[in-house]
Amino acid sequence: MLLFRWLILLLLLGSAVSFFFYTTTGEPRYKRWGLLVLKWVVFAGLGFFGVLVLERVA
């Protein structure tokens, strides 16, 4: 559980940094990278909540 929390936090931080770089430089590669990392944040969040639901059910 703690691993999922740290993973989500670090991915959100990485996504925020990428979007910050995009806004300051205007280079589209940072926007692509930020969206890719954000997609993995959503997957990690779904996995985290899936584990929580499975713990409640079982």
Protein backbone atom coordinates (compact mmCIF):
# COMPACT_ATOMS: atom_id res chain seq x y z
CA MET A 1 0.00 0.00 0.00
CA LEU A 2 2.76 2.38 0.90
CA LEU A 3 4.50 1.57 -2.37
CA PHE A 4 1.41 2.55 -4.38
CA ARG A 5 1.10 5.83 -2.50
CA TRP A 6 4.72 6.76 -3.15
CA LEU A 7 4.48 5.67 -6.78
CA ILE A 8 1.41 7.82 -7.39
CA LEU A 9 2.99 10.78 -5.61
CA LEU A 10 6.23 10.55 -7.58
CA LEU A 11 4.40 10.14 -10.89
CA LEU A 12 2.22 13.18 -10.15
CA LEU A 13 5.31 15.18 -9.27
CA GLY A 14 7.02 14.10 -12.50
CA SER A 15 3.96 15.03 -14.53
CA ALA A 16 3.76 18.45 -12.87
CA VAL A 17 7.44 19.09 -13.58
CA SER A 18 6.98 18.08 -17.22
CA PHE A 19 4.03 20.44 -17.65
CA PHE A 20 6.02 23.20 -15.97
CA PHE A 21 8.84 22.66 -18.45
CA TYR A 22 6.30 22.75 -21.27
CA THR A 23 4.86 26.06 -20.11
CA THR A 24 8.29 27.66 -19.72
CA THR A 25 9.93 26.34 -22.90
CA GLY A 26 6.96 25.67 -25.19
CA GLU A 27 8.52 22.46 -26.49
CA PRO A 28 5.87 19.83 -27.28
CA ARG A 29 8.03 16.91 -26.12
CA TYR A 30 7.51 17.98 -22.50
CA LYS A 31 3.75 18.04 -23.04
CA ARG A 32 3.85 14.53 -24.52
CA TRP A 33 5.97 13.30 -21.64
CA GLY A 34 3.65 14.92 -19.10
CA LEU A 35 0.59 13.31 -20.65
CA LEU A 36 2.32 9.93 -20.76
CA VAL A 37 3.26 10.16 -17.09
CA LEU A 38 -0.26 11.34 -16.23
CA LYS A 39 -1.65 8.27 -17.99
CA TRP A 40 0.49 6.07 -15.76
CA VAL A 41 -0.72 7.98 -12.71
CA VAL A 42 -4.27 7.07 -13.65
CA PHE A 43 -3.28 3.40 -14.08
CA ALA A 44 -1.47 3.38 -10.74
CA GLY A 45 -4.45 5.03 -9.06
CA LEU A 46 -6.83 2.47 -10.50
CA GLY A 47 -4.54 -0.29 -9.29
CA PHE A 48 -4.39 1.26 -5.84
CA PHE A 49 -8.15 1.56 -5.52
CA GLY A 50 -8.57 -1.91 -7.01
CA VAL A 51 -6.42 -3.33 -4.23
CA LEU A 52 -8.46 -1.41 -1.66
CA VAL A 53 -11.71 -2.81 -3.05
CA LEU A 54 -10.33 -6.35 -3.13
CA GLU A 55 -9.22 -6.04 0.50
CA ARG A 56 -12.71 -4.94 1.51
CA VAL A 57 -14.39 -7.76 -0.41
CA ALA A 58 -12.11 -10.54 0.78
